[in-house]
Amino acid sequence: MLIITRRAGEKVMVGDDVVVHVMEIVGNTVRVGIEAPRSLPVYREEIWHAVREENRAAARAPGDLPSPARR
């Protein structure tokens, strides 16, 4: 893990395509902005865990889907 110190208004580059902006620091709260290509999903950690668990649950569900109606 890389640990760095940044001030409000400063940025961190992640590879060539991702920029993390330190927007504001108030007390113990830091607001960040993330610029990334649309093809790269960006989630808060708790949302990412929820999405991953939903995907796992869907993969475990029975696969008996109805056949499409014939025309």
PDB file of N, CA and C in Angstrom:
ATOM      1  N   MET A   1       0.847  -1.165   0.000  1.00  0.00           N
ATOM      2  CA  MET A   1       0.000   0.000   0.000  1.00  0.00           C
ATOM      3  C   MET A   1       0.902   1.239   0.000  1.00  0.00           C
ATOM      4  N   LEU A   2       0.594   2.159  -0.861  1.00  0.00           N
ATOM      5  CA  LEU A   2       1.300   3.434  -0.905  1.00  0.00           C
ATOM      6  C   LEU A   2       0.546   4.425  -0.024  1.00  0.00           C
ATOM      7  N   ILE A   3       1.237   5.046   0.883  1.00  0.00           N
ATOM      8  CA  ILE A   3       0.632   6.064   1.752  1.00  0.00           C
ATOM      9  C   ILE A   3       1.333   7.384   1.452  1.00  0.00           C
ATOM     10  N   ILE A   4       0.535   8.382   1.055  1.00  0.00           N
ATOM     11  CA  ILE A   4       1.088   9.689   0.716  1.00  0.00           C
ATOM     12  C   ILE A   4       0.268  10.777   1.405  1.00  0.00           C
ATOM     13  N   THR A   5       0.833  11.948   1.475  1.00  0.00           N
ATOM     14  CA  THR A   5       0.130  13.097   2.030  1.00  0.00           C
ATOM     15  C   THR A   5      -0.202  14.049   0.883  1.00  0.00           C
ATOM     16  N   ARG A   6      -1.439  14.466   0.818  1.00  0.00           N
ATOM     17  CA  ARG A   6      -1.905  15.420  -0.192  1.00  0.00           C
ATOM     18  C   ARG A   6      -2.721  16.485   0.503  1.00  0.00           C
ATOM     19  N   ARG A   7      -2.721  17.659  -0.062  1.00  0.00           N
ATOM     20  CA  ARG A   7      -3.542  18.762   0.447  1.00  0.00           C
ATOM     21  C   ARG A   7      -4.720  18.971  -0.502  1.00  0.00           C
ATOM     22  N   ALA A   8      -5.723  19.683  -0.030  1.00  0.00           N
ATOM     23  CA  ALA A   8      -6.869  20.006  -0.882  1.00  0.00           C
ATOM     24  C   ALA A   8      -6.368  20.680  -2.156  1.00  0.00           C
ATOM     25  N   GLY A   9      -6.896  20.281  -3.285  1.00  0.00           N
ATOM     26  CA  GLY A   9      -6.499  20.830  -4.574  1.00  0.00           C
ATOM     27  C   GLY A   9      -5.409  20.021  -5.258  1.00  0.00           C
ATOM     28  N   GLU A  10      -4.772  19.105  -4.543  1.00  0.00           N
ATOM     29  CA  GLU A  10      -3.730  18.287  -5.145  1.00  0.00           C
ATOM     30  C   GLU A  10      -4.323  16.997  -5.705  1.00  0.00           C
ATOM     31  N   LYS A  11      -3.539  16.318  -6.527  1.00  0.00           N
ATOM     32  CA  LYS A  11      -4.033  15.138  -7.242  1.00  0.00           C
ATOM     33  C   LYS A  11      -3.069  13.978  -7.081  1.00  0.00           C
ATOM     34  N   VAL A  12      -3.595  12.781  -7.339  1.00  0.00           N
ATOM     35  CA  VAL A  12      -2.807  11.564  -7.387  1.00  0.00           C
ATOM     36  C   VAL A  12      -3.132  10.876  -8.710  1.00  0.00           C
ATOM     37  N   MET A  13      -2.110  10.478  -9.448  1.00  0.00           N
ATOM     38  CA  MET A  13      -2.302   9.760 -10.707  1.00  0.00           C
ATOM     39  C   MET A  13      -2.218   8.259 -10.433  1.00  0.00           C
ATOM     40  N   VAL A  14      -3.161   7.506 -10.978  1.00  0.00           N
ATOM     41  CA  VAL A  14      -3.143   6.039 -10.897  1.00  0.00           C
ATOM     42  C   VAL A  14      -3.057   5.546 -12.332  1.00  0.00           C
ATOM     43  N   GLY A  15      -1.888   5.128 -12.738  1.00  0.00           N
ATOM     44  CA  GLY A  15      -1.682   4.755 -14.131  1.00  0.00           C
ATOM     45  C   GLY A  15      -1.793   5.994 -15.009  1.00  0.00           C
ATOM     46  N   ASP A  16      -2.121   5.763 -16.278  1.00  0.00           N
ATOM     47  CA  ASP A  16      -2.238   6.864 -17.234  1.00  0.00           C
ATOM     48  C   ASP A  16      -3.631   7.472 -17.285  1.00  0.00           C
ATOM     49  N   ASP A  17      -4.646   6.723 -16.811  1.00  0.00           N
ATOM     50  CA  ASP A  17      -6.031   7.109 -17.076  1.00  0.00           C
ATOM     51  C   ASP A  17      -6.859   7.505 -15.865  1.00  0.00           C
ATOM     52  N   VAL A  18      -6.320   7.357 -14.660  1.00  0.00           N
ATOM     53  CA  VAL A  18      -7.118   7.628 -13.463  1.00  0.00           C
ATOM     54  C   VAL A  18      -6.459   8.753 -12.659  1.00  0.00           C
ATOM     55  N   VAL A  19      -7.269   9.756 -12.317  1.00  0.00           N
ATOM     56  CA  VAL A  19      -6.797  10.880 -11.509  1.00  0.00           C
ATOM     57  C   VAL A  19      -7.697  10.977 -10.277  1.00  0.00           C
ATOM     58  N   VAL A  20      -7.076  10.993  -9.108  1.00  0.00           N
ATOM     59  CA  VAL A  20      -7.806  11.169  -7.853  1.00  0.00           C
ATOM     60  C   VAL A  20      -7.535  12.589  -7.375  1.00  0.00           C
ATOM     61  N   HIS A  21      -8.590  13.390  -7.273  1.00  0.00           N
ATOM     62  CA  HIS A  21      -8.493  14.785  -6.834  1.00  0.00           C
ATOM     63  C   HIS A  21      -8.850  14.859  -5.345  1.00  0.00           C
ATOM     64  N   VAL A  22      -8.019  15.509  -4.560  1.00  0.00           N
ATOM     65  CA  VAL A  22      -8.380  15.799  -3.169  1.00  0.00           C
ATOM     66  C   VAL A  22      -9.160  17.108  -3.224  1.00  0.00           C
ATOM     67  N   MET A  23     -10.463  17.018  -3.034  1.00  0.00           N
ATOM     68  CA  MET A  23     -11.332  18.178  -3.218  1.00  0.00           C
ATOM     69  C   MET A  23     -11.388  19.062  -1.972  1.00  0.00           C
ATOM     70  N   GLU A  24     -11.558  18.423  -0.810  1.00  0.00           N
ATOM     71  CA  GLU A  24     -11.797  19.196   0.405  1.00  0.00           C
ATOM     72  C   GLU A  24     -11.446  18.339   1.618  1.00  0.00           C
ATOM     73  N   ILE A  25     -10.905  18.955   2.628  1.00  0.00           N
ATOM     74  CA  ILE A  25     -10.619  18.273   3.887  1.00  0.00           C
ATOM     75  C   ILE A  25     -11.270  19.084   4.992  1.00  0.00           C
ATOM     76  N   VAL A  26     -12.191  18.448   5.718  1.00  0.00           N
ATOM     77  CA  VAL A  26     -12.874  19.104   6.831  1.00  0.00           C
ATOM     78  C   VAL A  26     -12.826  18.146   8.012  1.00  0.00           C
ATOM     79  N   GLY A  27     -12.050  18.473   9.011  1.00  0.00           N
ATOM     80  CA  GLY A  27     -11.918  17.588  10.170  1.00  0.00           C
ATOM     81  C   GLY A  27     -11.360  16.241   9.748  1.00  0.00           C
ATOM     82  N   ASN A  28     -12.106  15.179  10.054  1.00  0.00           N
ATOM     83  CA  ASN A  28     -11.691  13.825   9.709  1.00  0.00           C
ATOM     84  C   ASN A  28     -12.253  13.353   8.374  1.00  0.00           C
ATOM     85  N   THR A  29     -12.858  14.236   7.625  1.00  0.00           N
ATOM     86  CA  THR A  29     -13.491  13.859   6.366  1.00  0.00           C
ATOM     87  C   THR A  29     -12.710  14.426   5.185  1.00  0.00           C
ATOM     88  N   VAL A  30     -12.460  13.580   4.209  1.00  0.00           N
ATOM     89  CA  VAL A  30     -11.779  13.987   2.982  1.00  0.00           C
ATOM     90  C   VAL A  30     -12.718  13.717   1.817  1.00  0.00           C
ATOM     91  N   ARG A  31     -12.964  14.731   1.006  1.00  0.00           N
ATOM     92  CA  ARG A  31     -13.772  14.551  -0.211  1.00  0.00           C
ATOM     93  C   ARG A  31     -12.816  14.372  -1.373  1.00  0.00           C
ATOM     94  N   VAL A  32     -13.044  13.320  -2.150  1.00  0.00           N
ATOM     95  CA  VAL A  32     -12.197  13.068  -3.305  1.00  0.00           C
ATOM     96  C   VAL A  32     -13.059  13.016  -4.557  1.00  0.00           C
ATOM     97  N   GLY A  33     -12.463  13.393  -5.663  1.00  0.00           N
ATOM     98  CA  GLY A  33     -13.082  13.237  -6.977  1.00  0.00           C
ATOM     99  C   GLY A  33     -12.216  12.266  -7.761  1.00  0.00           C
ATOM    100  N   ILE A  34     -12.852  11.418  -8.546  1.00  0.00           N
ATOM    101  CA  ILE A  34     -12.114  10.410  -9.299  1.00  0.00           C
ATOM    102  C   ILE A  34     -12.459  10.548 -10.773  1.00  0.00           C
ATOM    103  N   GLU A  35     -11.437  10.785 -11.579  1.00  0.00           N
ATOM    104  CA  GLU A  35     -11.596  10.805 -13.037  1.00  0.00           C
ATOM    105  C   GLU A  35     -11.081   9.478 -13.564  1.00  0.00           C
ATOM    106  N   ALA A  36     -11.940   8.736 -14.249  1.00  0.00           N
ATOM    107  CA  ALA A  36     -11.546   7.445 -14.808  1.00  0.00           C
ATOM    108  C   ALA A  36     -12.314   7.215 -16.097  1.00  0.00           C
ATOM    109  N   PRO A  37     -11.792   6.400 -16.991  1.00  0.00           N
ATOM    110  CA  PRO A  37     -12.530   6.087 -18.213  1.00  0.00           C
ATOM    111  C   PRO A  37     -13.872   5.427 -17.867  1.00  0.00           C
ATOM    112  N   ARG A  38     -14.879   5.662 -18.687  1.00  0.00           N
ATOM    113  CA  ARG A  38     -16.199   5.073 -18.442  1.00  0.00           C
ATOM    114  C   ARG A  38     -16.141   3.549 -18.415  1.00  0.00           C
ATOM    115  N   SER A  39     -15.172   2.975 -19.085  1.00  0.00           N
ATOM    116  CA  SER A  39     -15.055   1.514 -19.131  1.00  0.00           C
ATOM    117  C   SER A  39     -14.525   0.944 -17.809  1.00  0.00           C
ATOM    118  N   LEU A  40     -14.073   1.788 -16.909  1.00  0.00           N
ATOM    119  CA  LEU A  40     -13.525   1.344 -15.629  1.00  0.00           C
ATOM    120  C   LEU A  40     -14.519   1.685 -14.523  1.00  0.00           C
ATOM    121  N   PRO A  41     -15.199   0.689 -13.954  1.00  0.00           N
ATOM    122  CA  PRO A  41     -16.163   0.997 -12.902  1.00  0.00           C
ATOM    123  C   PRO A  41     -15.466   1.510 -11.651  1.00  0.00           C
ATOM    124  N   VAL A  42     -16.074   2.488 -10.997  1.00  0.00           N
ATOM    125  CA  VAL A  42     -15.544   3.054  -9.754  1.00  0.00           C
ATOM    126  C   VAL A  42     -16.671   2.985  -8.731  1.00  0.00           C
ATOM    127  N   TYR A  43     -16.430   2.271  -7.626  1.00  0.00           N
ATOM    128  CA  TYR A  43     -17.435   2.087  -6.585  1.00  0.00           C
ATOM    129  C   TYR A  43     -16.855   2.481  -5.235  1.00  0.00           C
ATOM    130  N   ARG A  44     -17.713   2.902  -4.319  1.00  0.00           N
ATOM    131  CA  ARG A  44     -17.329   2.950  -2.913  1.00  0.00           C
ATOM    132  C   ARG A  44     -17.197   1.501  -2.454  1.00  0.00           C
ATOM    133  N   GLU A  45     -16.320   1.254  -1.496  1.00  0.00           N
ATOM    134  CA  GLU A  45     -16.039  -0.126  -1.088  1.00  0.00           C
ATOM    135  C   GLU A  45     -17.293  -0.886  -0.666  1.00  0.00           C
ATOM    136  N   GLU A  46     -18.156  -0.262   0.127  1.00  0.00           N
ATOM    137  CA  GLU A  46     -19.338  -0.980   0.612  1.00  0.00           C
ATOM    138  C   GLU A  46     -20.296  -1.319  -0.525  1.00  0.00           C
ATOM    139  N   ILE A  47     -20.372  -0.470  -1.542  1.00  0.00           N
ATOM    140  CA  ILE A  47     -21.209  -0.762  -2.708  1.00  0.00           C
ATOM    141  C   ILE A  47     -20.591  -1.896  -3.514  1.00  0.00           C
ATOM    142  N   TRP A  48     -19.281  -1.883  -3.669  1.00  0.00           N
ATOM    143  CA  TRP A  48     -18.588  -2.926  -4.408  1.00  0.00           C
ATOM    144  C   TRP A  48     -18.835  -4.288  -3.762  1.00  0.00           C
ATOM    145  N   HIS A  49     -18.763  -4.353  -2.422  1.00  0.00           N
ATOM    146  CA  HIS A  49     -19.025  -5.609  -1.721  1.00  0.00           C
ATOM    147  C   HIS A  49     -20.461  -6.065  -1.943  1.00  0.00           C
ATOM    148  N   ALA A  50     -21.410  -5.144  -1.898  1.00  0.00           N
ATOM    149  CA  ALA A  50     -22.816  -5.496  -2.107  1.00  0.00           C
ATOM    150  C   ALA A  50     -23.042  -6.004  -3.527  1.00  0.00           C
ATOM    151  N   VAL A  51     -22.462  -5.354  -4.518  1.00  0.00           N
ATOM    152  CA  VAL A  51     -22.607  -5.786  -5.916  1.00  0.00           C
ATOM    153  C   VAL A  51     -21.994  -7.167  -6.093  1.00  0.00           C
ATOM    154  N   ARG A  52     -20.813  -7.375  -5.524  1.00  0.00           N
ATOM    155  CA  ARG A  52     -20.147  -8.676  -5.646  1.00  0.00           C
ATOM    156  C   ARG A  52     -20.987  -9.781  -5.013  1.00  0.00           C
ATOM    157  N   GLU A  53     -21.572  -9.521  -3.845  1.00  0.00           N
ATOM    158  CA  GLU A  53     -22.397 -10.527  -3.184  1.00  0.00           C
ATOM    159  C   GLU A  53     -23.662 -10.819  -3.984  1.00  0.00           C
ATOM    160  N   GLU A  54     -24.281  -9.785  -4.553  1.00  0.00           N
ATOM    161  CA  GLU A  54     -25.462  -9.999  -5.406  1.00  0.00           C
ATOM    162  C   GLU A  54     -25.109 -10.850  -6.617  1.00  0.00           C
ATOM    163  N   ASN A  55     -23.965 -10.600  -7.221  1.00  0.00           N
ATOM    164  CA  ASN A  55     -23.533 -11.397  -8.367  1.00  0.00           C
ATOM    165  C   ASN A  55     -23.302 -12.847  -7.978  1.00  0.00           C
ATOM    166  N   ARG A  56     -22.698 -13.062  -6.819  1.00  0.00           N
ATOM    167  CA  ARG A  56     -22.487 -14.431  -6.344  1.00  0.00           C
ATOM    168  C   ARG A  56     -23.811 -15.135  -6.083  1.00  0.00           C
ATOM    169  N   ALA A  57     -24.765 -14.423  -5.470  1.00  0.00           N
ATOM    170  CA  ALA A  57     -26.083 -15.009  -5.198  1.00  0.00           C
ATOM    171  C   ALA A  57     -26.795 -15.347  -6.504  1.00  0.00           C
ATOM    172  N   ALA A  58     -26.690 -14.491  -7.482  1.00  0.00           N
ATOM    173  CA  ALA A  58     -27.327 -14.758  -8.776  1.00  0.00           C
ATOM    174  C   ALA A  58     -26.693 -15.962  -9.453  1.00  0.00           C
ATOM    175  N   ALA A  59     -25.386 -16.128  -9.299  1.00  0.00           N
ATOM    176  CA  ALA A  59     -24.703 -17.267  -9.908  1.00  0.00           C
ATOM    177  C   ALA A  59     -25.105 -18.576  -9.238  1.00  0.00           C
ATOM    178  N   ARG A  60     -25.474 -18.528  -7.959  1.00  0.00           N
ATOM    179  CA  ARG A  60     -25.895 -19.730  -7.236  1.00  0.00           C
ATOM    180  C   ARG A  60     -27.353 -20.086  -7.488  1.00  0.00           C
ATOM    181  N   ALA A  61     -28.125 -19.151  -8.002  1.00  0.00           N
ATOM    182  CA  ALA A  61     -29.558 -19.377  -8.215  1.00  0.00           C
ATOM    183  C   ALA A  61     -29.771 -20.470  -9.264  1.00  0.00           C
ATOM    184  N   PRO A  62     -30.882 -21.218  -9.134  1.00  0.00           N
ATOM    185  CA  PRO A  62     -31.160 -22.251 -10.134  1.00  0.00           C
ATOM    186  C   PRO A  62     -31.212 -21.644 -11.534  1.00  0.00           C
ATOM    187  N   GLY A  63     -30.710 -22.381 -12.502  1.00  0.00           N
ATOM    188  CA  GLY A  63     -30.618 -21.863 -13.861  1.00  0.00           C
ATOM    189  C   GLY A  63     -31.769 -22.239 -14.765  1.00  0.00           C
ATOM    190  N   ASP A  64     -32.898 -22.646 -14.186  1.00  0.00           N
ATOM    191  CA  ASP A  64     -34.055 -23.047 -15.002  1.00  0.00           C
ATOM    192  C   ASP A  64     -34.862 -21.835 -15.411  1.00  0.00           C
ATOM    193  N   LEU A  65     -34.469 -21.226 -16.510  1.00  0.00           N
ATOM    194  CA  LEU A  65     -35.193 -20.067 -17.028  1.00  0.00           C
ATOM    195  C   LEU A  65     -36.211 -20.534 -18.056  1.00  0.00           C
ATOM    196  N   PRO A  66     -37.353 -19.864 -18.143  1.00  0.00           N
ATOM    197  CA  PRO A  66     -38.339 -20.259 -19.142  1.00  0.00           C
ATOM    198  C   PRO A  66     -37.816 -20.022 -20.568  1.00  0.00           C
ATOM    199  N   SER A  67     -38.299 -20.847 -21.484  1.00  0.00           N
ATOM    200  CA  SER A  67     -37.915 -20.687 -22.884  1.00  0.00           C
ATOM    201  C   SER A  67     -38.638 -19.466 -23.463  1.00  0.00           C
ATOM    202  N   PRO A  68     -38.005 -18.771 -24.395  1.00  0.00           N
ATOM    203  CA  PRO A  68     -38.696 -17.627 -25.017  1.00  0.00           C
ATOM    204  C   PRO A  68     -39.898 -18.099 -25.832  1.00  0.00           C
ATOM    205  N   ALA A  69     -40.919 -17.248 -25.892  1.00  0.00           N
ATOM    206  CA  ALA A  69     -42.123 -17.579 -26.666  1.00  0.00           C
ATOM    207  C   ALA A  69     -41.774 -17.639 -28.150  1.00  0.00           C
ATOM    208  N   ARG A  70     -42.370 -18.583 -28.838  1.00  0.00           N
ATOM    209  CA  ARG A  70     -42.121 -18.712 -30.278  1.00  0.00           C
ATOM    210  C   ARG A  70     -43.083 -17.806 -31.033  1.00  0.00           C
ATOM    211  N   ARG A  71     -42.620 -17.317 -32.145  1.00  0.00           N
ATOM    212  CA  ARG A  71     -43.465 -16.437 -32.972  1.00  0.00           C
ATOM    213  C   ARG A  71     -43.920 -17.152 -34.195  1.00  0.00           C
TER     214      ARG A  71
END
